[in-house]
Amino acid sequence: MKKVMFVEIGMGVDLHGQDVNTACVRAVRDAIGHNSMPGMRSVLKEEDINNMVVEITLAVPVLMEQVDEEAVKAVVPYGQKTVKLVAGGLVAKSGVVLPDKGDANDDVIIVNAVVEVGY
């Protein structure tokens, strides 16, 4: 990316089910969900929003090899998207196991996301 225009930060949690992908998708949604970039198109080649570059970094505490990068990219509606996984995030305890919610244990999976947008 030549020029970073925006850096968006989010957190995603899977309280029950211990699904790292749920936490990753929620982290990216949280990062991009409160932003509008109306001027972005004007600085992009051919003023096409699909020409923006979106670099997603996820801090994942466990099961990094199970992250579905295509599902993560699908959260971002436009642009040339990449996903980078790094060790991080957190595994905490919920204090309750709910088998009907898919719990195998009382772990809570927490993922942090940084989404950089530019061109």
PDB file of N, CA and C in Angstrom:
ATOM      1  N   MET A   1       0.857  -1.170   0.000  1.00  0.00           N
ATOM      2  CA  MET A   1       0.000   0.000   0.000  1.00  0.00           C
ATOM      3  C   MET A   1       0.899   1.228   0.000  1.00  0.00           C
ATOM      4  N   LYS A   2       0.644   2.117  -0.937  1.00  0.00           N
ATOM      5  CA  LYS A   2       1.446   3.339  -1.031  1.00  0.00           C
ATOM      6  C   LYS A   2       1.063   4.351   0.043  1.00  0.00           C
ATOM      7  N   LYS A   3      -0.230   4.497   0.252  1.00  0.00           N
ATOM      8  CA  LYS A   3      -0.721   5.529   1.170  1.00  0.00           C
ATOM      9  C   LYS A   3      -1.833   4.963   2.039  1.00  0.00           C
ATOM     10  N   VAL A   4      -1.634   4.994   3.346  1.00  0.00           N
ATOM     11  CA  VAL A   4      -2.673   4.587   4.288  1.00  0.00           C
ATOM     12  C   VAL A   4      -3.536   5.807   4.578  1.00  0.00           C
ATOM     13  N   MET A   5      -4.850   5.658   4.385  1.00  0.00           N
ATOM     14  CA  MET A   5      -5.779   6.763   4.606  1.00  0.00           C
ATOM     15  C   MET A   5      -6.529   6.627   5.930  1.00  0.00           C
ATOM     16  N   PHE A   6      -6.859   5.374   6.298  1.00  0.00           N
ATOM     17  CA  PHE A   6      -7.634   5.114   7.508  1.00  0.00           C
ATOM     18  C   PHE A   6      -7.074   3.895   8.223  1.00  0.00           C
ATOM     19  N   VAL A   7      -7.119   3.935   9.536  1.00  0.00           N
ATOM     20  CA  VAL A   7      -6.802   2.771  10.361  1.00  0.00           C
ATOM     21  C   VAL A   7      -7.992   2.575  11.286  1.00  0.00           C
ATOM     22  N   GLU A   8      -8.627   1.428  11.164  1.00  0.00           N
ATOM     23  CA  GLU A   8      -9.823   1.122  11.939  1.00  0.00           C
ATOM     24  C   GLU A   8      -9.494  -0.033  12.877  1.00  0.00           C
ATOM     25  N   ILE A   9      -9.981   0.018  14.104  1.00  0.00           N
ATOM     26  CA  ILE A   9      -9.643  -0.981  15.119  1.00  0.00           C
ATOM     27  C   ILE A   9     -10.918  -1.580  15.688  1.00  0.00           C
ATOM     28  N   GLY A  10     -10.909  -2.902  15.840  1.00  0.00           N
ATOM     29  CA  GLY A  10     -12.093  -3.564  16.355  1.00  0.00           C
ATOM     30  C   GLY A  10     -11.762  -4.766  17.217  1.00  0.00           C
ATOM     31  N   MET A  11     -12.787  -5.263  17.898  1.00  0.00           N
ATOM     32  CA  MET A  11     -12.662  -6.441  18.735  1.00  0.00           C
ATOM     33  C   MET A  11     -13.859  -7.344  18.457  1.00  0.00           C
ATOM     34  N   GLY A  12     -13.590  -8.643  18.400  1.00  0.00           N
ATOM     35  CA  GLY A  12     -14.653  -9.610  18.198  1.00  0.00           C
ATOM     36  C   GLY A  12     -14.568 -10.707  19.236  1.00  0.00           C
ATOM     37  N   VAL A  13     -15.721 -11.174  19.680  1.00  0.00           N
ATOM     38  CA  VAL A  13     -15.794 -12.161  20.755  1.00  0.00           C
ATOM     39  C   VAL A  13     -16.737 -13.283  20.353  1.00  0.00           C
ATOM     40  N   ASP A  14     -16.333 -14.514  20.652  1.00  0.00           N
ATOM     41  CA  ASP A  14     -17.272 -15.636  20.604  1.00  0.00           C
ATOM     42  C   ASP A  14     -17.425 -16.116  22.037  1.00  0.00           C
ATOM     43  N   LEU A  15     -18.557 -15.780  22.645  1.00  0.00           N
ATOM     44  CA  LEU A  15     -18.817 -16.124  24.047  1.00  0.00           C
ATOM     45  C   LEU A  15     -19.097 -17.602  24.243  1.00  0.00           C
ATOM     46  N   HIS A  16     -19.739 -18.225  23.271  1.00  0.00           N
ATOM     47  CA  HIS A  16     -20.115 -19.636  23.396  1.00  0.00           C
ATOM     48  C   HIS A  16     -19.861 -20.341  22.079  1.00  0.00           C
ATOM     49  N   GLY A  17     -19.231 -21.494  22.158  1.00  0.00           N
ATOM     50  CA  GLY A  17     -18.969 -22.285  20.965  1.00  0.00           C
ATOM     51  C   GLY A  17     -17.505 -22.354  20.599  1.00  0.00           C
ATOM     52  N   GLN A  18     -16.709 -21.451  21.148  1.00  0.00           N
ATOM     53  CA  GLN A  18     -15.265 -21.445  20.943  1.00  0.00           C
ATOM     54  C   GLN A  18     -14.897 -21.446  19.455  1.00  0.00           C
ATOM     55  N   ASP A  19     -15.598 -20.632  18.675  1.00  0.00           N
ATOM     56  CA  ASP A  19     -15.373 -20.542  17.229  1.00  0.00           C
ATOM     57  C   ASP A  19     -14.509 -19.327  16.910  1.00  0.00           C
ATOM     58  N   VAL A  20     -13.268 -19.587  16.556  1.00  0.00           N
ATOM     59  CA  VAL A  20     -12.334 -18.502  16.262  1.00  0.00           C
ATOM     60  C   VAL A  20     -12.794 -17.686  15.055  1.00  0.00           C
ATOM     61  N   ASN A  21     -13.475 -18.322  14.082  1.00  0.00           N
ATOM     62  CA  ASN A  21     -13.949 -17.577  12.920  1.00  0.00           C
ATOM     63  C   ASN A  21     -15.042 -16.584  13.275  1.00  0.00           C
ATOM     64  N   THR A  22     -15.917 -16.965  14.170  1.00  0.00           N
ATOM     65  CA  THR A  22     -16.955 -16.036  14.629  1.00  0.00           C
ATOM     66  C   THR A  22     -16.305 -14.800  15.238  1.00  0.00           C
ATOM     67  N   ALA A  23     -15.305 -15.004  16.074  1.00  0.00           N
ATOM     68  CA  ALA A  23     -14.619 -13.876  16.714  1.00  0.00           C
ATOM     69  C   ALA A  23     -13.887 -13.017  15.681  1.00  0.00           C
ATOM     70  N   CYS A  24     -13.264 -13.632  14.679  1.00  0.00           N
ATOM     71  CA  CYS A  24     -12.543 -12.881  13.649  1.00  0.00           C
ATOM     72  C   CYS A  24     -13.493 -12.017  12.827  1.00  0.00           C
ATOM     73  N   VAL A  25     -14.589 -12.601  12.378  1.00  0.00           N
ATOM     74  CA  VAL A  25     -15.565 -11.863  11.580  1.00  0.00           C
ATOM     75  C   VAL A  25     -16.153 -10.712  12.391  1.00  0.00           C
ATOM     76  N   ARG A  26     -16.461 -10.957  13.632  1.00  0.00           N
ATOM     77  CA  ARG A  26     -17.010  -9.891  14.481  1.00  0.00           C
ATOM     78  C   ARG A  26     -15.994  -8.777  14.702  1.00  0.00           C
ATOM     79  N   ALA A  27     -14.727  -9.119  14.819  1.00  0.00           N
ATOM     80  CA  ALA A  27     -13.688  -8.099  15.021  1.00  0.00           C
ATOM     81  C   ALA A  27     -13.595  -7.173  13.808  1.00  0.00           C
ATOM     82  N   VAL A  28     -13.651  -7.741  12.613  1.00  0.00           N
ATOM     83  CA  VAL A  28     -13.583  -6.919  11.401  1.00  0.00           C
ATOM     84  C   VAL A  28     -14.850  -6.087  11.252  1.00  0.00           C
ATOM     85  N   ARG A  29     -15.995  -6.690  11.529  1.00  0.00           N
ATOM     86  CA  ARG A  29     -17.254  -5.910  11.477  1.00  0.00           C
ATOM     87  C   ARG A  29     -17.213  -4.740  12.446  1.00  0.00           C
ATOM     88  N   ASP A  30     -16.676  -4.984  13.641  1.00  0.00           N
ATOM     89  CA  ASP A  30     -16.567  -3.922  14.630  1.00  0.00           C
ATOM     90  C   ASP A  30     -15.642  -2.814  14.132  1.00  0.00           C
ATOM     91  N   ALA A  31     -14.544  -3.199  13.505  1.00  0.00           N
ATOM     92  CA  ALA A  31     -13.581  -2.208  13.022  1.00  0.00           C
ATOM     93  C   ALA A  31     -14.170  -1.317  11.932  1.00  0.00           C
ATOM     94  N   ILE A  32     -14.916  -1.895  11.016  1.00  0.00           N
ATOM     95  CA  ILE A  32     -15.398  -1.101   9.872  1.00  0.00           C
ATOM     96  C   ILE A  32     -16.825  -0.603  10.024  1.00  0.00           C
ATOM     97  N   GLY A  33     -17.512  -1.048  11.057  1.00  0.00           N
ATOM     98  CA  GLY A  33     -18.944  -0.805  11.163  1.00  0.00           C
ATOM     99  C   GLY A  33     -19.390   0.588  11.552  1.00  0.00           C
ATOM    100  N   HIS A  34     -18.477   1.449  11.931  1.00  0.00           N
ATOM    101  CA  HIS A  34     -18.864   2.783  12.391  1.00  0.00           C
ATOM    102  C   HIS A  34     -18.178   3.872  11.570  1.00  0.00           C
ATOM    103  N   ASN A  35     -17.895   3.560  10.304  1.00  0.00           N
ATOM    104  CA  ASN A  35     -17.133   4.487   9.475  1.00  0.00           C
ATOM    105  C   ASN A  35     -17.806   4.696   8.132  1.00  0.00           C
ATOM    106  N   SER A  36     -17.579   5.870   7.597  1.00  0.00           N
ATOM    107  CA  SER A  36     -17.957   6.169   6.229  1.00  0.00           C
ATOM    108  C   SER A  36     -16.771   6.901   5.613  1.00  0.00           C
ATOM    109  N   MET A  37     -16.436   6.568   4.386  1.00  0.00           N
ATOM    110  CA  MET A  37     -15.277   7.175   3.732  1.00  0.00           C
ATOM    111  C   MET A  37     -15.700   7.812   2.410  1.00  0.00           C
ATOM    112  N   PRO A  38     -16.544   8.841   2.455  1.00  0.00           N
ATOM    113  CA  PRO A  38     -17.102   9.393   1.220  1.00  0.00           C
ATOM    114  C   PRO A  38     -16.067   9.989   0.278  1.00  0.00           C
ATOM    115  N   GLY A  39     -14.946  10.442   0.781  1.00  0.00           N
ATOM    116  CA  GLY A  39     -13.922  11.052  -0.073  1.00  0.00           C
ATOM    117  C   GLY A  39     -12.946  10.060  -0.658  1.00  0.00           C
ATOM    118  N   MET A  40     -13.004   8.817  -0.237  1.00  0.00           N
ATOM    119  CA  MET A  40     -12.031   7.819  -0.664  1.00  0.00           C
ATOM    120  C   MET A  40     -12.028   7.620  -2.174  1.00  0.00           C
ATOM    121  N   ARG A  41     -13.189   7.568  -2.758  1.00  0.00           N
ATOM    122  CA  ARG A  41     -13.306   7.326  -4.205  1.00  0.00           C
ATOM    123  C   ARG A  41     -12.500   8.356  -5.009  1.00  0.00           C
ATOM    124  N   SER A  42     -12.466   9.588  -4.556  1.00  0.00           N
ATOM    125  CA  SER A  42     -11.816  10.657  -5.323  1.00  0.00           C
ATOM    126  C   SER A  42     -10.300  10.492  -5.438  1.00  0.00           C
ATOM    127  N   VAL A  43      -9.682   9.697  -4.579  1.00  0.00           N
ATOM    128  CA  VAL A  43      -8.228   9.515  -4.650  1.00  0.00           C
ATOM    129  C   VAL A  43      -7.831   8.179  -5.284  1.00  0.00           C
ATOM    130  N   LEU A  44      -8.805   7.385  -5.680  1.00  0.00           N
ATOM    131  CA  LEU A  44      -8.524   6.064  -6.236  1.00  0.00           C
ATOM    132  C   LEU A  44      -8.444   6.094  -7.758  1.00  0.00           C
ATOM    133  N   LYS A  45      -7.646   5.193  -8.299  1.00  0.00           N
ATOM    134  CA  LYS A  45      -7.537   5.045  -9.742  1.00  0.00           C
ATOM    135  C   LYS A  45      -8.933   4.841 -10.322  1.00  0.00           C
ATOM    136  N   GLU A  46      -9.240   5.638 -11.343  1.00  0.00           N
ATOM    137  CA  GLU A  46     -10.533   5.603 -12.019  1.00  0.00           C
ATOM    138  C   GLU A  46     -11.708   5.847 -11.068  1.00  0.00           C
ATOM    139  N   GLU A  47     -11.424   6.390  -9.895  1.00  0.00           N
ATOM    140  CA  GLU A  47     -12.439   6.653  -8.875  1.00  0.00           C
ATOM    141  C   GLU A  47     -13.291   5.420  -8.591  1.00  0.00           C
ATOM    142  N   ASP A  48     -12.641   4.257  -8.652  1.00  0.00           N
ATOM    143  CA  ASP A  48     -13.311   2.970  -8.445  1.00  0.00           C
ATOM    144  C   ASP A  48     -12.984   2.454  -7.048  1.00  0.00           C
ATOM    145  N   ILE A  49     -14.006   2.279  -6.198  1.00  0.00           N
ATOM    146  CA  ILE A  49     -13.758   1.860  -4.818  1.00  0.00           C
ATOM    147  C   ILE A  49     -13.186   0.445  -4.720  1.00  0.00           C
ATOM    148  N   ASN A  50     -13.273  -0.306  -5.809  1.00  0.00           N
ATOM    149  CA  ASN A  50     -12.633  -1.621  -5.800  1.00  0.00           C
ATOM    150  C   ASN A  50     -11.119  -1.511  -5.955  1.00  0.00           C
ATOM    151  N   ASN A  51     -10.609  -0.312  -6.234  1.00  0.00           N
ATOM    152  CA  ASN A  51      -9.169  -0.100  -6.323  1.00  0.00           C
ATOM    153  C   ASN A  51      -8.535   0.286  -4.986  1.00  0.00           C
ATOM    154  N   MET A  52      -9.339   0.434  -3.946  1.00  0.00           N
ATOM    155  CA  MET A  52      -8.732   0.699  -2.643  1.00  0.00           C
ATOM    156  C   MET A  52      -8.094  -0.598  -2.128  1.00  0.00           C
ATOM    157  N   VAL A  53      -7.083  -0.420  -1.297  1.00  0.00           N
ATOM    158  CA  VAL A  53      -6.371  -1.549  -0.699  1.00  0.00           C
ATOM    159  C   VAL A  53      -6.825  -1.654   0.754  1.00  0.00           C
ATOM    160  N   VAL A  54      -7.174  -2.866   1.167  1.00  0.00           N
ATOM    161  CA  VAL A  54      -7.644  -3.112   2.527  1.00  0.00           C
ATOM    162  C   VAL A  54      -6.779  -4.215   3.135  1.00  0.00           C
ATOM    163  N   GLU A  55      -5.984  -3.848   4.113  1.00  0.00           N
ATOM    164  CA  GLU A  55      -5.119  -4.813   4.788  1.00  0.00           C
ATOM    165  C   GLU A  55      -5.689  -5.090   6.176  1.00  0.00           C
ATOM    166  N   ILE A  56      -6.052  -6.339   6.411  1.00  0.00           N
ATOM    167  CA  ILE A  56      -6.667  -6.756   7.671  1.00  0.00           C
ATOM    168  C   ILE A  56      -5.637  -7.537   8.481  1.00  0.00           C
ATOM    169  N   THR A  57      -5.386  -7.089   9.699  1.00  0.00           N
ATOM    170  CA  THR A  57      -4.510  -7.820  10.607  1.00  0.00           C
ATOM    171  C   THR A  57      -5.353  -8.277  11.784  1.00  0.00           C
ATOM    172  N   LEU A  58      -5.276  -9.573  12.077  1.00  0.00           N
ATOM    173  CA  LEU A  58      -6.036 -10.152  13.183  1.00  0.00           C
ATOM    174  C   LEU A  58      -5.090 -10.733  14.223  1.00  0.00           C
ATOM    175  N   ALA A  59      -5.289 -10.356  15.464  1.00  0.00           N
ATOM    176  CA  ALA A  59      -4.559 -10.941  16.588  1.00  0.00           C
ATOM    177  C   ALA A  59      -5.425 -12.059  17.142  1.00  0.00           C
ATOM    178  N   VAL A  60      -4.991 -13.296  16.914  1.00  0.00           N
ATOM    179  CA  VAL A  60      -5.789 -14.484  17.193  1.00  0.00           C
ATOM    180  C   VAL A  60      -5.110 -15.306  18.289  1.00  0.00           C
ATOM    181  N   PRO A  61      -5.846 -15.656  19.362  1.00  0.00           N
ATOM    182  CA  PRO A  61      -5.216 -16.342  20.487  1.00  0.00           C
ATOM    183  C   PRO A  61      -5.031 -17.843  20.325  1.00  0.00           C
ATOM    184  N   VAL A  62      -5.895 -18.493  19.543  1.00  0.00           N
ATOM    185  CA  VAL A  62      -5.844 -19.950  19.401  1.00  0.00           C
ATOM    186  C   VAL A  62      -6.331 -20.349  18.013  1.00  0.00           C
ATOM    187  N   LEU A  63      -5.997 -21.541  17.606  1.00  0.00           N
ATOM    188  CA  LEU A  63      -6.538 -22.144  16.384  1.00  0.00           C
ATOM    189  C   LEU A  63      -6.349 -21.260  15.157  1.00  0.00           C
ATOM    190  N   MET A  64      -5.216 -20.570  15.088  1.00  0.00           N
ATOM    191  CA  MET A  64      -4.955 -19.666  13.975  1.00  0.00           C
ATOM    192  C   MET A  64      -5.069 -20.385  12.631  1.00  0.00           C
ATOM    193  N   GLU A  65      -4.689 -21.662  12.597  1.00  0.00           N
ATOM    194  CA  GLU A  65      -4.738 -22.421  11.351  1.00  0.00           C
ATOM    195  C   GLU A  65      -6.170 -22.690  10.889  1.00  0.00           C
ATOM    196  N   GLN A  66      -7.142 -22.465  11.746  1.00  0.00           N
ATOM    197  CA  GLN A  66      -8.539 -22.689  11.384  1.00  0.00           C
ATOM    198  C   GLN A  66      -9.258 -21.429  10.907  1.00  0.00           C
ATOM    199  N   VAL A  67      -8.565 -20.303  10.890  1.00  0.00           N
ATOM    200  CA  VAL A  67      -9.206 -19.057  10.456  1.00  0.00           C
ATOM    201  C   VAL A  67      -9.525 -19.130   8.970  1.00  0.00           C
ATOM    202  N   ASP A  68     -10.772 -18.848   8.633  1.00  0.00           N
ATOM    203  CA  ASP A  68     -11.248 -18.830   7.252  1.00  0.00           C
ATOM    204  C   ASP A  68     -11.041 -17.415   6.706  1.00  0.00           C
ATOM    205  N   GLU A  69      -9.909 -17.217   6.037  1.00  0.00           N
ATOM    206  CA  GLU A  69      -9.565 -15.881   5.553  1.00  0.00           C
ATOM    207  C   GLU A  69     -10.577 -15.364   4.529  1.00  0.00           C
ATOM    208  N   GLU A  70     -11.165 -16.235   3.752  1.00  0.00           N
ATOM    209  CA  GLU A  70     -12.169 -15.793   2.772  1.00  0.00           C
ATOM    210  C   GLU A  70     -13.420 -15.270   3.474  1.00  0.00           C
ATOM    211  N   ALA A  71     -13.814 -15.891   4.575  1.00  0.00           N
ATOM    212  CA  ALA A  71     -14.967 -15.397   5.345  1.00  0.00           C
ATOM    213  C   ALA A  71     -14.661 -14.032   5.945  1.00  0.00           C
ATOM    214  N   VAL A  72     -13.421 -13.839   6.382  1.00  0.00           N
ATOM    215  CA  VAL A  72     -13.010 -12.545   6.931  1.00  0.00           C
ATOM    216  C   VAL A  72     -13.034 -11.485   5.838  1.00  0.00           C
ATOM    217  N   LYS A  73     -12.471 -11.791   4.673  1.00  0.00           N
ATOM    218  CA  LYS A  73     -12.463 -10.837   3.559  1.00  0.00           C
ATOM    219  C   LYS A  73     -13.882 -10.471   3.126  1.00  0.00           C
ATOM    220  N   ALA A  74     -14.799 -11.422   3.205  1.00  0.00           N
ATOM    221  CA  ALA A  74     -16.172 -11.192   2.760  1.00  0.00           C
ATOM    222  C   ALA A  74     -16.878 -10.107   3.577  1.00  0.00           C
ATOM    223  N   VAL A  75     -16.395  -9.830   4.766  1.00  0.00           N
ATOM    224  CA  VAL A  75     -16.990  -8.789   5.607  1.00  0.00           C
ATOM    225  C   VAL A  75     -16.773  -7.408   4.993  1.00  0.00           C
ATOM    226  N   VAL A  76     -15.673  -7.235   4.296  1.00  0.00           N
ATOM    227  CA  VAL A  76     -15.310  -5.950   3.689  1.00  0.00           C
ATOM    228  C   VAL A  76     -15.915  -5.908   2.287  1.00  0.00           C
ATOM    229  N   PRO A  77     -16.803  -4.954   2.020  1.00  0.00           N
ATOM    230  CA  PRO A  77     -17.563  -4.991   0.766  1.00  0.00           C
ATOM    231  C   PRO A  77     -16.785  -4.633  -0.493  1.00  0.00           C
ATOM    232  N   TYR A  78     -15.710  -3.850  -0.379  1.00  0.00           N
ATOM    233  CA  TYR A  78     -14.990  -3.378  -1.562  1.00  0.00           C
ATOM    234  C   TYR A  78     -13.496  -3.456  -1.329  1.00  0.00           C
ATOM    235  N   GLY A  79     -12.758  -3.423  -2.420  1.00  0.00           N
ATOM    236  CA  GLY A  79     -11.312  -3.300  -2.330  1.00  0.00           C
ATOM    237  C   GLY A  79     -10.557  -4.584  -2.586  1.00  0.00           C
ATOM    238  N   GLN A  80      -9.249  -4.407  -2.643  1.00  0.00           N
ATOM    239  CA  GLN A  80      -8.298  -5.504  -2.803  1.00  0.00           C
ATOM    240  C   GLN A  80      -7.846  -5.875  -1.398  1.00  0.00           C
ATOM    241  N   LYS A  81      -8.304  -7.021  -0.911  1.00  0.00           N
ATOM    242  CA  LYS A  81      -8.194  -7.369   0.499  1.00  0.00           C
ATOM    243  C   LYS A  81      -7.117  -8.417   0.758  1.00  0.00           C
ATOM    244  N   THR A  82      -6.381  -8.210   1.860  1.00  0.00           N
ATOM    245  CA  THR A  82      -5.446  -9.216   2.345  1.00  0.00           C
ATOM    246  C   THR A  82      -5.692  -9.408   3.834  1.00  0.00           C
ATOM    247  N   VAL A  83      -5.343 -10.608   4.311  1.00  0.00           N
ATOM    248  CA  VAL A  83      -5.483 -10.923   5.731  1.00  0.00           C
ATOM    249  C   VAL A  83      -4.143 -11.402   6.255  1.00  0.00           C
ATOM    250  N   LYS A  84      -3.740 -10.842   7.382  1.00  0.00           N
ATOM    251  CA  LYS A  84      -2.525 -11.286   8.071  1.00  0.00           C
ATOM    252  C   LYS A  84      -2.924 -11.697   9.482  1.00  0.00           C
ATOM    253  N   LEU A  85      -2.456 -12.860   9.903  1.00  0.00           N
ATOM    254  CA  LEU A  85      -2.747 -13.357  11.246  1.00  0.00           C
ATOM    255  C   LEU A  85      -1.500 -13.261  12.100  1.00  0.00           C
ATOM    256  N   VAL A  86      -1.680 -12.764  13.326  1.00  0.00           N
ATOM    257  CA  VAL A  86      -0.586 -12.689  14.294  1.00  0.00           C
ATOM    258  C   VAL A  86      -1.068 -13.269  15.620  1.00  0.00           C
ATOM    259  N   ALA A  87      -0.134 -13.712  16.419  1.00  0.00           N
ATOM    260  CA  ALA A  87      -0.491 -14.205  17.746  1.00  0.00           C
ATOM    261  C   ALA A  87      -0.962 -13.039  18.599  1.00  0.00           C
ATOM    262  N   GLY A  88      -2.021 -13.235  19.342  1.00  0.00           N
ATOM    263  CA  GLY A  88      -2.542 -12.170  20.195  1.00  0.00           C
ATOM    264  C   GLY A  88      -3.944 -12.502  20.643  1.00  0.00           C
ATOM    265  N   GLY A  89      -4.715 -11.477  20.903  1.00  0.00           N
ATOM    266  CA  GLY A  89      -6.063 -11.689  21.400  1.00  0.00           C
ATOM    267  C   GLY A  89      -6.030 -12.254  22.805  1.00  0.00           C
ATOM    268  N   LEU A  90      -7.071 -12.998  23.153  1.00  0.00           N
ATOM    269  CA  LEU A  90      -7.186 -13.489  24.525  1.00  0.00           C
ATOM    270  C   LEU A  90      -8.169 -14.642  24.570  1.00  0.00           C
ATOM    271  N   VAL A  91      -7.882 -15.593  25.434  1.00  0.00           N
ATOM    272  CA  VAL A  91      -8.858 -16.621  25.807  1.00  0.00           C
ATOM    273  C   VAL A  91      -9.181 -16.358  27.269  1.00  0.00           C
ATOM    274  N   ALA A  92     -10.443 -16.113  27.553  1.00  0.00           N
ATOM    275  CA  ALA A  92     -10.890 -15.843  28.919  1.00  0.00           C
ATOM    276  C   ALA A  92     -11.941 -16.893  29.289  1.00  0.00           C
ATOM    277  N   LYS A  93     -12.454 -16.819  30.474  1.00  0.00           N
ATOM    278  CA  LYS A  93     -13.471 -17.761  30.951  1.00  0.00           C
ATOM    279  C   LYS A  93     -14.816 -17.054  31.073  1.00  0.00           C
ATOM    280  N   SER A  94     -15.865 -17.732  30.605  1.00  0.00           N
ATOM    281  CA  SER A  94     -17.210 -17.178  30.721  1.00  0.00           C
ATOM    282  C   SER A  94     -17.844 -17.540  32.058  1.00  0.00           C
ATOM    283  N   GLY A  95     -17.345 -18.607  32.676  1.00  0.00           N
ATOM    284  CA  GLY A  95     -17.898 -19.039  33.951  1.00  0.00           C
ATOM    285  C   GLY A  95     -19.094 -19.961  33.824  1.00  0.00           C
ATOM    286  N   VAL A  96     -19.460 -20.282  32.563  1.00  0.00           N
ATOM    287  CA  VAL A  96     -20.611 -21.167  32.362  1.00  0.00           C
ATOM    288  C   VAL A  96     -20.406 -21.947  31.069  1.00  0.00           C
ATOM    289  N   VAL A  97     -20.827 -23.187  31.067  1.00  0.00           N
ATOM    290  CA  VAL A  97     -20.811 -24.021  29.869  1.00  0.00           C
ATOM    291  C   VAL A  97     -22.255 -24.234  29.431  1.00  0.00           C
ATOM    292  N   LEU A  98     -22.564 -23.845  28.207  1.00  0.00           N
ATOM    293  CA  LEU A  98     -23.913 -23.985  27.660  1.00  0.00           C
ATOM    294  C   LEU A  98     -23.860 -24.917  26.452  1.00  0.00           C
ATOM    295  N   PRO A  99     -24.065 -26.203  26.674  1.00  0.00           N
ATOM    296  CA  PRO A  99     -23.998 -27.160  25.564  1.00  0.00           C
ATOM    297  C   PRO A  99     -24.951 -26.830  24.410  1.00  0.00           C
ATOM    298  N   ASP A 100     -26.116 -26.267  24.711  1.00  0.00           N
ATOM    299  CA  ASP A 100     -27.063 -25.921  23.650  1.00  0.00           C
ATOM    300  C   ASP A 100     -26.558 -24.781  22.769  1.00  0.00           C
ATOM    301  N   LYS A 101     -25.526 -24.070  23.211  1.00  0.00           N
ATOM    302  CA  LYS A 101     -24.899 -23.002  22.421  1.00  0.00           C
ATOM    303  C   LYS A 101     -23.612 -23.488  21.752  1.00  0.00           C
ATOM    304  N   GLY A 102     -23.330 -24.791  21.868  1.00  0.00           N
ATOM    305  CA  GLY A 102     -22.154 -25.359  21.224  1.00  0.00           C
ATOM    306  C   GLY A 102     -20.914 -25.371  22.080  1.00  0.00           C
ATOM    307  N   ASP A 103     -21.041 -25.022  23.355  1.00  0.00           N
ATOM    308  CA  ASP A 103     -19.871 -24.975  24.225  1.00  0.00           C
ATOM    309  C   ASP A 103     -19.271 -26.355  24.454  1.00  0.00           C
ATOM    310  N   ALA A 104     -17.953 -26.452  24.295  1.00  0.00           N
ATOM    311  CA  ALA A 104     -17.199 -27.630  24.702  1.00  0.00           C
ATOM    312  C   ALA A 104     -16.582 -27.376  26.073  1.00  0.00           C
ATOM    313  N   ASN A 105     -16.453 -26.081  26.413  1.00  0.00           N
ATOM    314  CA  ASN A 105     -15.883 -25.642  27.690  1.00  0.00           C
ATOM    315  C   ASN A 105     -16.359 -24.212  27.937  1.00  0.00           C
ATOM    316  N   ASP A 106     -15.776 -23.542  28.911  1.00  0.00           N
ATOM    317  CA  ASP A 106     -16.215 -22.162  29.191  1.00  0.00           C
ATOM    318  C   ASP A 106     -15.261 -21.104  28.647  1.00  0.00           C
ATOM    319  N   ASP A 107     -14.477 -21.475  27.608  1.00  0.00           N
ATOM    320  CA  ASP A 107     -13.570 -20.507  26.998  1.00  0.00           C
ATOM    321  C   ASP A 107     -14.336 -19.462  26.189  1.00  0.00           C
ATOM    322  N   VAL A 108     -13.853 -18.230  26.268  1.00  0.00           N
ATOM    323  CA  VAL A 108     -14.322 -17.116  25.460  1.00  0.00           C
ATOM    324  C   VAL A 108     -13.165 -16.730  24.548  1.00  0.00           C
ATOM    325  N   ILE A 109     -13.398 -16.693  23.257  1.00  0.00           N
ATOM    326  CA  ILE A 109     -12.360 -16.355  22.282  1.00  0.00           C
ATOM    327  C   ILE A 109     -12.496 -14.874  21.932  1.00  0.00           C
ATOM    328  N   ILE A 110     -11.399 -14.125  22.115  1.00  0.00           N
ATOM    329  CA  ILE A 110     -11.389 -12.690  21.828  1.00  0.00           C
ATOM    330  C   ILE A 110     -10.301 -12.402  20.787  1.00  0.00           C
ATOM    331  N   VAL A 111     -10.697 -11.746  19.705  1.00  0.00           N
ATOM    332  CA  VAL A 111      -9.792 -11.411  18.609  1.00  0.00           C
ATOM    333  C   VAL A 111      -9.786  -9.902  18.430  1.00  0.00           C
ATOM    334  N   ASN A 112      -8.603  -9.345  18.188  1.00  0.00           N
ATOM    335  CA  ASN A 112      -8.469  -7.929  17.870  1.00  0.00           C
ATOM    336  C   ASN A 112      -8.186  -7.780  16.384  1.00  0.00           C
ATOM    337  N   ALA A 113      -8.731  -6.719  15.781  1.00  0.00           N
ATOM    338  CA  ALA A 113      -8.527  -6.464  14.354  1.00  0.00           C
ATOM    339  C   ALA A 113      -8.032  -5.041  14.129  1.00  0.00           C
ATOM    340  N   VAL A 114      -7.129  -4.915  13.177  1.00  0.00           N
ATOM    341  CA  VAL A 114      -6.735  -3.619  12.634  1.00  0.00           C
ATOM    342  C   VAL A 114      -6.981  -3.695  11.139  1.00  0.00           C
ATOM    343  N   VAL A 115      -7.753  -2.742  10.630  1.00  0.00           N
ATOM    344  CA  VAL A 115      -8.053  -2.696   9.204  1.00  0.00           C
ATOM    345  C   VAL A 115      -7.483  -1.384   8.669  1.00  0.00           C
ATOM    346  N   GLU A 116      -6.507  -1.526   7.785  1.00  0.00           N
ATOM    347  CA  GLU A 116      -5.890  -0.352   7.155  1.00  0.00           C
ATOM    348  C   GLU A 116      -6.472  -0.214   5.759  1.00  0.00           C
ATOM    349  N   VAL A 117      -6.868   1.013   5.421  1.00  0.00           N
ATOM    350  CA  VAL A 117      -7.480   1.290   4.130  1.00  0.00           C
ATOM    351  C   VAL A 117      -6.689   2.393   3.454  1.00  0.00           C
ATOM    352  N   GLY A 118      -6.375   2.157   2.215  1.00  0.00           N
ATOM    353  CA  GLY A 118      -5.619   3.158   1.454  1.00  0.00           C
ATOM    354  C   GLY A 118      -5.600   2.802  -0.010  1.00  0.00           C
ATOM    355  N   TYR A 119      -4.474   3.189  -0.649  1.00  0.00           N
ATOM    356  CA  TYR A 119      -4.319   2.894  -2.081  1.00  0.00           C
ATOM    357  C   TYR A 119      -2.864   2.692  -2.398  1.00  0.00           C
TER     358      TYR A 119
END
